[in-house]
Protein backbone atom coordinates (compact mmCIF):
# COMPACT_ATOMS: atom_id res chain seq x y z
CA MET A 1 9.22 19.67 -17.58
CA LEU A 2 11.67 17.27 -15.86
CA GLU A 3 13.47 14.60 -17.81
CA ALA A 4 16.43 12.29 -16.91
CA SER A 5 18.04 10.29 -19.60
CA GLY A 6 21.07 7.88 -19.59
CA LEU A 7 21.18 8.32 -15.75
CA MET A 8 23.89 6.23 -14.11
CA VAL A 9 25.04 6.25 -10.50
CA PHE A 10 27.97 3.97 -9.26
CA TYR A 11 28.77 3.45 -5.63
CA GLU A 12 32.31 2.14 -5.71
CA ASN A 13 31.68 -1.12 -7.72
CA MET A 14 28.04 -1.19 -7.22
CA LEU A 15 25.72 0.00 -10.07
CA ALA A 16 22.73 1.85 -8.33
CA LEU A 17 21.19 3.33 -11.28
CA ASN A 18 21.67 1.98 -14.94
CA ASN A 19 20.78 4.09 -17.92
CA VAL A 20 17.48 5.33 -16.38
CA ARG A 21 15.17 7.49 -18.41
CA ILE A 22 12.21 9.00 -16.78
CA ARG A 23 9.98 11.94 -17.55
CA CYS A 24 7.47 14.17 -15.52
CA ASP A 25 5.34 16.71 -17.61
CA GLN A 26 3.61 19.80 -16.39
CA ASN A 27 0.91 19.02 -13.63
CA GLN A 28 1.61 15.26 -13.77
CA ILE A 29 1.81 12.93 -10.83
CA VAL A 30 4.44 10.27 -11.80
CA GLY A 31 4.91 7.11 -9.74
CA ILE A 32 8.22 5.28 -9.35
CA PHE A 33 7.75 1.89 -7.96
CA GLY A 34 10.25 -0.93 -6.87
CA ALA A 35 11.44 -3.12 -4.13
CA ASN A 36 13.95 -2.16 -1.55
CA SER A 37 17.39 -1.41 -3.04
CA ALA A 38 15.85 -0.93 -6.50
CA GLY A 39 17.39 2.48 -6.80
CA LYS A 40 14.33 4.82 -5.93
CA SER A 41 16.14 6.91 -3.43
CA THR A 42 19.22 7.16 -5.46
CA LEU A 43 17.11 8.39 -8.41
CA MET A 44 15.60 11.08 -6.19
CA TYR A 45 19.05 12.13 -5.05
CA ALA A 46 20.14 12.38 -8.64
CA LEU A 47 17.10 14.46 -9.68
CA SER A 48 17.44 16.83 -6.70
CA GLY A 49 21.30 17.08 -6.96
CA ILE A 50 21.96 15.72 -3.48
CA VAL A 51 23.97 12.83 -4.92
CA LEU A 52 26.54 15.49 -5.90
CA ASP A 53 26.73 16.63 -2.33
CA ILE A 54 27.14 13.01 -1.13
CA GLN A 55 29.80 12.52 -3.88
CA LYS A 56 31.71 15.64 -2.74
CA LYS A 57 31.63 14.68 0.99
CA GLU A 58 32.84 11.16 0.23
CA GLU A 59 35.71 12.54 -1.84
CA MET A 60 36.75 15.01 0.94
CA ALA A 61 36.59 12.18 3.57
CA GLY A 62 38.43 9.72 1.37
CA GLY A 63 35.47 7.38 1.41
CA GLU A 64 33.35 5.61 -1.09
CA ARG A 65 33.99 6.83 -4.61
CA ILE A 66 30.76 7.79 -6.36
CA THR A 67 30.40 8.22 -10.13
CA VAL A 68 27.39 10.01 -11.67
CA ALA A 69 26.68 10.23 -15.37
CA GLY A 70 23.79 11.13 -17.63
CA SER A 71 21.37 14.06 -18.14
CA VAL A 72 18.77 15.85 -16.03
CA ARG A 73 16.95 18.54 -17.95
CA TYR A 74 14.42 20.88 -16.30
CA GLN A 75 12.23 23.24 -18.31
CA ASP A 76 14.45 22.51 -21.40
CA ARG A 77 17.68 23.40 -19.28
CA GLU A 78 20.42 21.03 -18.38
CA VAL A 79 20.71 21.03 -14.58
CA MET A 80 22.84 17.90 -13.92
CA HIS A 81 25.94 20.04 -12.98
CA LEU A 82 23.91 22.25 -10.55
CA SER A 83 24.04 21.93 -6.78
CA PRO A 84 20.90 20.96 -4.73
CA SER A 85 20.50 24.48 -3.60
CA ARG A 86 20.56 25.83 -7.10
CA ARG A 87 18.02 23.27 -8.41
CA ALA A 88 15.93 24.06 -5.31
CA ARG A 89 15.90 27.75 -6.31
CA LEU A 90 14.66 26.61 -9.79
CA GLY A 91 11.64 24.77 -8.13
CA ILE A 92 13.02 21.19 -7.89
CA VAL A 93 12.34 20.32 -4.07
CA LEU A 94 12.92 17.01 -2.42
CA CYS A 95 10.86 15.78 0.55
CA PRO A 96 13.17 13.00 1.69
CA GLU A 97 12.67 9.41 2.84
CA ARG A 98 12.12 8.90 6.66
CA ARG A 99 10.90 12.61 7.07
CA ARG A 100 14.19 14.12 8.26
CA ILE A 101 12.54 17.00 10.13
CA PHE A 102 14.31 19.11 12.71
CA LYS A 103 13.29 17.25 15.70
CA GLU A 104 14.38 19.81 18.23
CA SER A 105 12.58 22.56 16.65
CA THR A 106 8.67 23.20 16.77
CA VAL A 107 6.33 22.63 13.95
CA LEU A 108 6.19 26.29 13.10
CA GLU A 109 9.91 26.52 13.25
CA ASN A 110 10.22 23.63 10.89
CA LEU A 111 7.91 25.26 8.38
CA LYS A 112 9.63 28.53 8.52
CA ILE A 113 12.93 26.97 7.92
CA GLY A 114 11.50 25.43 4.77
CA GLY A 115 10.57 28.85 3.48
CA TYR A 116 13.98 30.17 3.30
CA LEU A 117 13.66 30.55 -0.46
CA ALA A 118 10.24 32.17 -0.35
CA SER A 119 9.48 35.93 -0.11
CA ALA A 120 7.67 37.18 3.01
CA ALA A 121 4.35 37.15 1.01
CA GLN A 122 4.97 33.67 -0.45
CA ALA A 123 5.81 32.23 2.98
CA LYS A 124 2.75 33.71 4.63
CA GLU A 125 0.40 32.48 1.95
CA THR A 126 2.10 29.01 1.77
CA LEU A 127 1.94 28.61 5.49
CA ALA A 128 -1.72 29.35 5.51
CA TYR A 129 -2.21 26.80 2.81
CA VAL A 130 -0.18 24.15 4.65
CA PHE A 131 -2.33 24.71 7.72
CA GLU A 132 -5.42 24.29 5.53
CA VAL A 133 -4.49 21.01 4.00
CA PHE A 134 -2.95 19.69 7.22
CA PRO A 135 -5.22 21.26 9.94
CA ALA A 136 -3.60 18.88 12.50
CA LEU A 137 -0.32 20.83 12.02
CA TYR A 138 -2.02 24.12 13.02
CA LYS A 139 -3.07 22.61 16.37
CA LEU A 140 0.40 21.18 16.88
CA ARG A 141 2.32 24.27 15.65
CA ASN A 142 4.11 24.87 18.94
CA ARG A 143 4.92 21.26 19.47
CA ILE A 144 8.46 20.02 19.38
CA GLY A 145 8.88 17.94 16.02
CA GLY A 146 10.50 14.97 17.90
CA PHE A 147 7.24 14.44 19.80
CA LEU A 148 5.04 14.03 16.63
CA SER A 149 3.80 10.72 15.49
CA GLY A 150 5.10 9.36 12.20
CA GLY A 151 2.13 10.60 10.35
CA GLU A 152 2.42 14.04 11.84
CA GLN A 153 6.02 14.16 10.92
CA GLN A 154 5.38 13.20 7.32
CA MET A 155 2.60 15.87 7.08
CA LEU A 156 5.29 18.36 8.50
CA ALA A 157 7.90 17.16 5.99
CA ILE A 158 5.58 17.62 3.01
CA GLY A 159 4.46 21.06 4.39
CA ARG A 160 8.09 22.12 4.83
CA ALA A 161 8.81 21.23 1.19
CA LEU A 162 5.88 23.15 0.04
CA MET A 163 7.21 26.20 1.87
CA ALA A 164 10.23 26.03 -0.47
CA GLN A 165 7.88 26.94 -3.32
CA PRO A 166 8.42 23.84 -5.47
CA LYS A 167 7.36 23.69 -9.20
CA ILE A 168 8.13 20.00 -9.06
CA LEU A 169 8.07 18.15 -5.74
CA LEU A 170 9.85 14.92 -5.22
CA LEU A 171 8.34 12.69 -2.61
CA ASP A 172 10.62 9.84 -1.54
CA GLU A 173 8.71 7.13 0.10
CA PRO A 174 6.27 9.24 1.94
CA LEU A 175 4.05 6.42 3.18
CA LEU A 176 6.90 4.40 4.87
CA GLY A 177 5.67 3.05 8.28
CA LEU A 178 2.25 4.73 8.29
CA SER A 179 -1.22 3.29 8.84
CA PRO A 180 -3.41 2.63 5.76
CA LEU A 181 -5.74 5.52 6.99
CA MET A 182 -2.84 7.86 7.07
CA GLN A 183 -1.57 6.62 3.73
CA ALA A 184 -4.97 7.22 2.09
CA MET A 185 -5.24 10.77 3.49
CA LEU A 186 -1.70 11.69 2.41
CA MET A 187 -2.44 10.47 -1.22
CA ARG A 188 -5.67 12.39 -1.34
CA THR A 189 -3.73 15.50 -0.22
CA THR A 190 -1.03 14.97 -2.72
CA ARG A 191 -3.48 14.91 -5.67
CA GLU A 192 -5.13 18.09 -4.02
CA ILE A 193 -1.73 19.79 -3.89
CA ARG A 194 -1.09 19.02 -7.64
CA ASP A 195 -4.60 20.28 -8.56
CA ARG A 196 -4.63 23.52 -6.48
CA ARG A 197 -0.98 24.48 -6.56
CA ASN A 198 -0.20 23.33 -10.14
CA ILE A 199 2.80 21.38 -8.81
CA SER A 200 4.19 18.45 -10.83
CA ILE A 201 4.98 15.65 -8.40
CA ILE A 202 7.22 12.38 -8.69
CA VAL A 203 6.51 9.90 -5.93
CA THR A 204 8.56 6.70 -5.08
CA GLU A 205 7.04 3.87 -3.20
CA GLN A 206 7.72 0.24 -2.54
CA TYR A 207 3.96 -0.66 -2.32
CA ALA A 208 2.06 0.73 -5.27
CA ARG A 209 -1.54 -0.03 -4.03
CA PRO A 210 -2.11 3.31 -2.16
CA VAL A 211 -0.20 5.48 -4.65
CA PHE A 212 -1.48 4.04 -7.95
CA PRO A 213 -4.88 5.67 -7.94
CA ILE A 214 -3.47 9.05 -8.04
CA VAL A 215 -0.69 8.69 -10.64
CA ASP A 216 -0.89 9.64 -14.35
CA TYR A 217 2.08 7.71 -15.41
CA ALA A 218 4.54 5.33 -13.65
CA PHE A 219 7.81 3.40 -14.06
CA ILE A 220 8.83 0.28 -12.37
CA LEU A 221 12.58 0.04 -11.22
CA GLU A 222 14.36 -3.21 -10.73
CA ASN A 223 18.04 -3.37 -9.83
CA GLY A 224 18.66 0.16 -10.80
CA SER A 225 16.94 -0.18 -14.19
CA ALA A 226 13.54 1.28 -15.35
CA VAL A 227 12.06 -2.09 -16.70
CA LEU A 228 8.51 -1.03 -17.30
CA GLU A 229 6.63 2.26 -17.83
CA GLY A 230 3.12 3.35 -18.93
CA THR A 231 -0.07 5.13 -17.69
CA ARG A 232 -1.95 3.94 -14.81
CA ASP A 233 -4.35 1.92 -16.89
CA GLU A 234 -1.65 0.35 -19.00
CA LEU A 235 0.30 -1.03 -16.02
CA MET A 236 -2.80 -2.07 -14.23
CA ASP A 237 -3.53 -4.31 -17.36
CA ASN A 238 -0.13 -5.85 -17.08
CA PRO A 239 -0.52 -9.14 -15.35
CA ASP A 240 3.21 -9.01 -14.04
CA VAL A 241 2.55 -5.60 -12.36
CA ARG A 242 -0.60 -6.71 -10.81
CA ALA A 243 0.96 -9.86 -9.46
CA ALA A 244 4.07 -8.15 -8.07
CA TYR A 245 2.41 -4.96 -6.76
CA PHE A 246 -1.10 -5.76 -6.05
CA GLY A 247 -1.08 -9.54 -5.27
CA VAL A 248 -3.59 -10.35 -7.88
């Protein structure tokens, strides 16, 4: 469904992604695990197209030179040249790291902003679904986003991404700074979203333990390179993976 190959991103003289190849098939949950600065967010920016916007802004400002190379294919179509908005219209939707909600807008306004690509019927149905899987958001629908807790903001960020009608949802470090209880709830909900909405999901995380139970396949990034890959069971059988990501 979505496949990147030979993906390379240079920030000036720093190689952020080095010949990365990943794949996410229909209705899969794929995990991307790695330490800080391993290249996880850069990979998500490359898949969603946001790296092209960053590249353009840096060129216009005379700032950091960014070079992007490789291929991103979605449903057997090359999309590497497409802007983030065009990729979103095809169904590739990013839920970014650190939530990035509109903090001066209400929960309901944030969700409606996310639905700009949806028809009226789609927006109404998806909004009802978001309130079903995140009932706390319904109770908080008129609260300003900046007054939400970290967990509530993450629910809102995922809900806003769902409003954009994704076919493949990119979740960039959704568990950052959250309690173990909130992490477990969000991962259960992520699997439920895949099962009920038939949405393929790629999720990045530094800490694999809360995410690993829901993934079908996973890749390990180190210094911008995909150094290991396999099914959940294959990676759990790898002693290096267990030691690095599970402490066993």
